[in-house]
Amino acid sequence: MGAADRKYTRILLKLSGEALAGDRGVGFDFERIGSFADQIVEVARMGVQLGLVIGGGNIVRGTQLSQMGMDRVGADYMGMLGTVINAMAMQDVLEKKGLDTRVMTAIRMEELAEPYIRRRALRHFEKGRTVIFAAGTGNPYFSTDTAAVLRAIQMKADVIIKATSVDGVYSADPKKDPNATMYESISYRDVMLEELRVMDQTAITLCKENQLPLIVLNLHTPGAIARAINGERVGTLVS
């Protein structure tokens, strides 16, 4: 199947920072990161243009620090720096697997990465490079979910894929409620009305207003991302 025949040709993949830590909860599990990188390389080699946003929860969460008494603005900037660390770690693993990768940051730090410039990012896509967008939106009070949706809209992505540790969107937390049922598809309106914790409300609203479809799937399922890109029903489609 050629790239032009695929259901999606440009995607934005959102990973949580905790996913990079594996069972440790903090820091890095490079065996786990390598497994995720294999899926990303598989997708990129299908001819799909790929952007990536990674959270920073394995290093520091701004909201948690603010709840502990730290100034929210400073805490959020620390969280943004955590996403840059994760982006650099993922870039190293991807490039060792032969994937041409660029890190672009919303906060300027040219010694480490390129500043985020929309036209330059689009050019990277055209040249077949995978782009990791780091430092969130560059502003406090906005989550990396919101940053992922914002970058997807700016890059004119066909879909945003949120890779999680569960198979899709459930009526309740499946890890806590054995009676929780999974949705094959659900509207953004219902996600907001039922207060399902797919993404924060700002991110969901942006998706809804820009008619950006969202697929929530299990990152630990081999080949799940590639199957979703080919149009197979994987996980939950939010649209």
Protein backbone atom coordinates (compact mmCIF):
# COMPACT_ATOMS: atom_id res chain seq x y z
CA MET A 1 0.00 0.00 0.00
CA GLY A 2 1.46 3.36 -1.04
CA ALA A 3 1.41 6.42 1.20
CA ALA A 4 -1.23 8.04 -1.01
CA ASP A 5 -3.57 5.07 -0.45
CA ARG A 6 -3.47 5.24 3.32
CA LYS A 7 -6.36 6.69 5.31
CA TYR A 8 -4.03 9.14 7.06
CA THR A 9 -0.85 10.59 5.56
CA ARG A 10 0.13 13.10 8.24
CA ILE A 11 -0.42 12.34 11.92
CA LEU A 12 0.39 13.77 15.33
CA LEU A 13 1.20 11.14 17.95
CA LYS A 14 0.81 12.01 21.64
CA LEU A 15 2.68 9.96 24.25
CA SER A 16 2.62 10.42 27.99
CA GLY A 17 5.86 11.00 29.83
CA GLU A 18 4.99 8.14 32.19
CA ALA A 19 5.08 5.74 29.23
CA LEU A 20 8.82 6.39 28.90
CA ALA A 21 9.36 5.41 32.54
CA GLY A 22 7.71 2.01 32.21
CA ASP A 23 6.92 0.32 35.51
CA ARG A 24 9.39 2.57 37.34
CA GLY A 25 7.05 5.55 37.24
CA VAL A 26 9.93 8.03 37.00
CA GLY A 27 13.00 8.42 34.81
CA PHE A 28 13.57 6.26 31.74
CA ASP A 29 13.05 2.64 30.82
CA PHE A 30 15.11 2.47 27.62
CA GLU A 31 13.89 -1.03 26.78
CA ARG A 32 10.32 0.30 26.81
CA ILE A 33 11.34 3.43 24.87
CA GLY A 34 13.02 1.22 22.28
CA SER A 35 9.78 -0.73 21.85
CA PHE A 36 7.82 2.49 21.31
CA ALA A 37 10.49 3.74 18.91
CA ASP A 38 10.13 0.57 16.82
CA GLN A 39 6.45 1.39 16.27
CA ILE A 40 7.29 4.99 15.36
CA VAL A 41 9.95 3.86 12.89
CA GLU A 42 7.49 1.38 11.37
CA VAL A 43 4.98 4.18 10.80
CA ALA A 44 7.55 6.62 9.41
CA ARG A 45 8.82 4.02 6.93
CA MET A 46 5.28 3.59 5.63
CA GLY A 47 5.70 7.04 4.12
CA VAL A 48 3.56 8.75 6.76
CA GLN A 49 4.55 12.25 7.89
CA LEU A 50 4.82 12.06 11.66
CA GLY A 51 4.86 14.62 14.45
CA LEU A 52 5.31 13.62 18.08
CA VAL A 53 4.47 15.29 21.40
CA ILE A 54 5.64 13.70 24.66
CA GLY A 55 4.48 14.69 28.13
CA GLY A 56 6.85 15.26 31.03
CA GLY A 57 5.16 13.34 33.82
CA ASN A 58 8.06 10.94 34.32
CA ILE A 59 10.26 13.89 35.32
CA VAL A 60 8.07 16.64 36.74
CA ARG A 61 4.42 17.70 36.60
CA GLY A 62 3.75 21.40 36.93
CA THR A 63 0.27 20.87 38.40
CA GLN A 64 1.62 18.60 41.14
CA LEU A 65 4.33 21.08 42.09
CA SER A 66 1.81 23.91 42.25
CA GLN A 67 -0.40 21.80 44.54
CA MET A 68 2.64 21.43 46.81
CA GLY A 69 2.84 25.21 47.15
CA MET A 70 5.10 26.24 44.27
CA ASP A 71 4.14 29.14 42.04
CA ARG A 72 2.07 27.70 39.16
CA VAL A 73 3.88 29.62 36.43
CA GLY A 74 7.34 28.48 37.53
CA ALA A 75 6.08 24.93 38.08
CA ASP A 76 4.64 24.76 34.57
CA TYR A 77 7.89 25.99 33.05
CA MET A 78 9.70 23.20 34.90
CA GLY A 79 7.21 20.76 33.37
CA MET A 80 7.99 22.16 29.91
CA LEU A 81 11.70 21.55 30.47
CA GLY A 82 10.84 17.97 31.38
CA THR A 83 9.23 17.50 27.96
CA VAL A 84 12.43 18.76 26.31
CA ILE A 85 14.47 16.15 28.20
CA ASN A 86 12.05 13.43 27.03
CA ALA A 87 12.17 14.69 23.45
CA MET A 88 15.97 14.52 23.44
CA ALA A 89 15.90 10.98 24.85
CA MET A 90 13.40 9.84 22.21
CA GLN A 91 15.36 11.56 19.44
CA ASP A 92 18.52 9.69 20.44
CA VAL A 93 16.74 6.32 20.37
CA LEU A 94 14.99 7.04 17.05
CA GLU A 95 18.17 8.21 15.32
CA LYS A 96 20.05 5.11 16.48
CA LYS A 97 17.34 3.16 14.65
CA GLY A 98 18.04 5.16 11.50
CA LEU A 99 15.14 7.65 11.61
CA ASP A 100 15.94 11.26 10.68
CA THR A 101 14.49 13.32 13.55
CA ARG A 102 14.26 16.95 14.61
CA VAL A 103 13.32 18.40 18.00
CA MET A 104 11.54 21.76 17.92
CA THR A 105 10.88 23.67 21.13
CA ALA A 106 8.29 26.32 21.96
CA ILE A 107 10.89 27.94 24.26
CA ARG A 108 14.06 28.98 22.48
CA MET A 109 17.13 26.90 23.38
CA GLU A 110 19.14 26.74 20.16
CA GLU A 111 22.03 24.84 21.70
CA LEU A 112 19.71 21.86 22.17
CA ALA A 113 17.04 22.05 19.49
CA GLU A 114 15.44 24.19 16.82
CA PRO A 115 12.90 26.84 17.80
CA TYR A 116 9.38 25.98 16.71
CA ILE A 117 8.68 27.69 13.38
CA ARG A 118 5.61 26.38 11.60
CA ARG A 119 6.95 26.64 8.04
CA ARG A 120 10.21 24.98 9.03
CA ALA A 121 8.32 22.13 10.67
CA LEU A 122 6.25 21.63 7.52
CA ARG A 123 9.46 21.56 5.49
CA HIS A 124 10.85 18.84 7.77
CA PHE A 125 7.71 16.78 7.08
CA GLU A 126 8.14 17.27 3.33
CA LYS A 127 11.71 15.97 3.61
CA GLY A 128 10.53 12.86 5.44
CA ARG A 129 11.80 13.84 8.89
CA THR A 130 9.98 13.00 12.10
CA VAL A 131 9.46 16.11 14.24
CA ILE A 132 9.24 16.02 18.03
CA PHE A 133 7.49 19.11 19.39
CA ALA A 134 8.71 19.94 22.91
CA ALA A 135 8.11 22.52 25.67
CA GLY A 136 4.34 22.41 25.26
CA THR A 137 2.82 25.59 23.91
CA GLY A 138 5.52 27.65 25.60
CA ASN A 139 2.91 29.06 27.99
CA PRO A 140 1.95 28.07 31.54
CA TYR A 141 -1.56 26.75 32.33
CA PHE A 142 -1.71 24.68 29.12
CA SER A 143 -1.22 20.91 29.14
CA THR A 144 0.81 18.85 26.68
CA ASP A 145 -2.53 17.44 25.45
CA THR A 146 -3.50 20.96 24.41
CA ALA A 147 -0.03 21.46 22.89
CA ALA A 148 -0.43 18.24 20.88
CA VAL A 149 -3.80 19.33 19.48
CA LEU A 150 -2.49 22.81 18.71
CA ARG A 151 0.50 21.43 16.78
CA ALA A 152 -1.75 18.96 14.95
CA ILE A 153 -3.99 21.81 13.80
CA GLN A 154 -1.04 24.00 12.80
CA MET A 155 0.56 21.13 10.88
CA LYS A 156 -2.76 20.28 9.18
CA ALA A 157 -2.53 16.72 10.49
CA ASP A 158 -5.22 14.30 9.31
CA VAL A 159 -5.62 12.81 12.78
CA ILE A 160 -4.20 12.94 16.29
CA ILE A 161 -3.41 9.60 17.91
CA LYS A 162 -3.19 9.42 21.68
CA ALA A 163 -1.31 6.29 22.70
CA THR A 164 -2.19 5.18 26.23
CA SER A 165 -1.96 2.13 28.49
CA VAL A 166 -5.61 1.12 27.85
CA ASP A 167 -7.35 -0.06 24.69
CA GLY A 168 -9.46 3.06 24.11
CA VAL A 169 -12.01 5.34 25.74
CA TYR A 170 -14.06 3.73 28.51
CA SER A 171 -17.19 4.79 30.40
CA ALA A 172 -15.07 4.69 33.57
CA ASP A 173 -11.49 3.89 34.54
CA PRO A 174 -11.14 0.21 33.48
CA LYS A 175 -8.31 -0.26 35.99
CA LYS A 176 -10.69 0.62 38.83
CA ASP A 177 -14.13 -0.36 37.52
CA PRO A 178 -14.47 -3.90 36.10
CA ASN A 179 -17.88 -2.96 34.64
CA ALA A 180 -16.46 -0.14 32.51
CA THR A 181 -17.34 -0.48 28.83
CA MET A 182 -15.20 0.65 25.90
CA TYR A 183 -16.58 2.87 23.16
CA GLU A 184 -15.71 2.03 19.54
CA SER A 185 -16.59 5.62 18.68
CA ILE A 186 -17.84 8.65 20.56
CA SER A 187 -18.45 12.32 19.82
CA TYR A 188 -16.45 15.15 21.31
CA ARG A 189 -19.68 16.50 22.77
CA ASP A 190 -20.33 13.27 24.68
CA VAL A 191 -16.73 13.18 25.89
CA MET A 192 -17.24 16.65 27.40
CA LEU A 193 -20.74 15.96 28.78
CA GLU A 194 -19.70 12.69 30.42
CA GLU A 195 -16.42 14.27 31.60
CA LEU A 196 -14.40 11.35 30.26
CA ARG A 197 -10.72 11.89 30.90
CA VAL A 198 -9.56 11.45 27.32
CA MET A 199 -7.83 14.84 27.19
CA ASP A 200 -8.39 18.04 29.11
CA GLN A 201 -11.37 20.19 28.13
CA THR A 202 -9.28 22.78 26.30
CA ALA A 203 -7.76 20.12 24.05
CA ILE A 204 -11.13 18.48 23.39
CA THR A 205 -12.70 21.85 22.55
CA LEU A 206 -9.90 22.62 20.07
CA CYS A 207 -10.43 19.25 18.38
CA LYS A 208 -14.17 19.81 18.16
CA GLU A 209 -13.91 23.35 16.78
CA ASN A 210 -11.38 22.29 14.13
CA GLN A 211 -13.03 18.95 13.28
CA LEU A 212 -9.82 17.09 14.09
CA PRO A 213 -10.44 13.36 14.64
CA LEU A 214 -8.77 11.69 17.62
CA ILE A 215 -7.91 8.00 17.96
CA VAL A 216 -7.19 6.63 21.44
CA LEU A 217 -5.40 3.28 21.42
CA ASN A 218 -3.13 1.03 23.44
CA LEU A 219 0.54 1.78 22.84
CA HIS A 220 1.52 -1.65 24.14
CA THR A 221 -0.37 -3.44 21.34
CA PRO A 222 2.20 -4.26 18.61
CA GLY A 223 1.40 -2.59 15.30
CA ALA A 224 -1.62 -0.71 16.66
CA ILE A 225 -0.52 2.67 15.32
CA ALA A 226 0.24 1.31 11.84
CA ARG A 227 -3.12 -0.47 11.70
CA ALA A 228 -4.97 2.69 12.70
CA ILE A 229 -3.19 4.67 9.98
CA ASN A 230 -4.27 2.07 7.42
CA GLY A 231 -7.90 2.67 8.40
CA GLU A 232 -8.46 -0.38 10.59
CA ARG A 233 -10.72 0.09 13.59
CA VAL A 234 -8.29 0.20 16.50
CA GLY A 235 -9.11 1.67 19.87
CA THR A 236 -11.70 4.45 20.02
CA LEU A 237 -12.41 7.10 17.39
CA VAL A 238 -13.46 10.46 18.82
CA SER A 239 -14.93 12.75 16.19
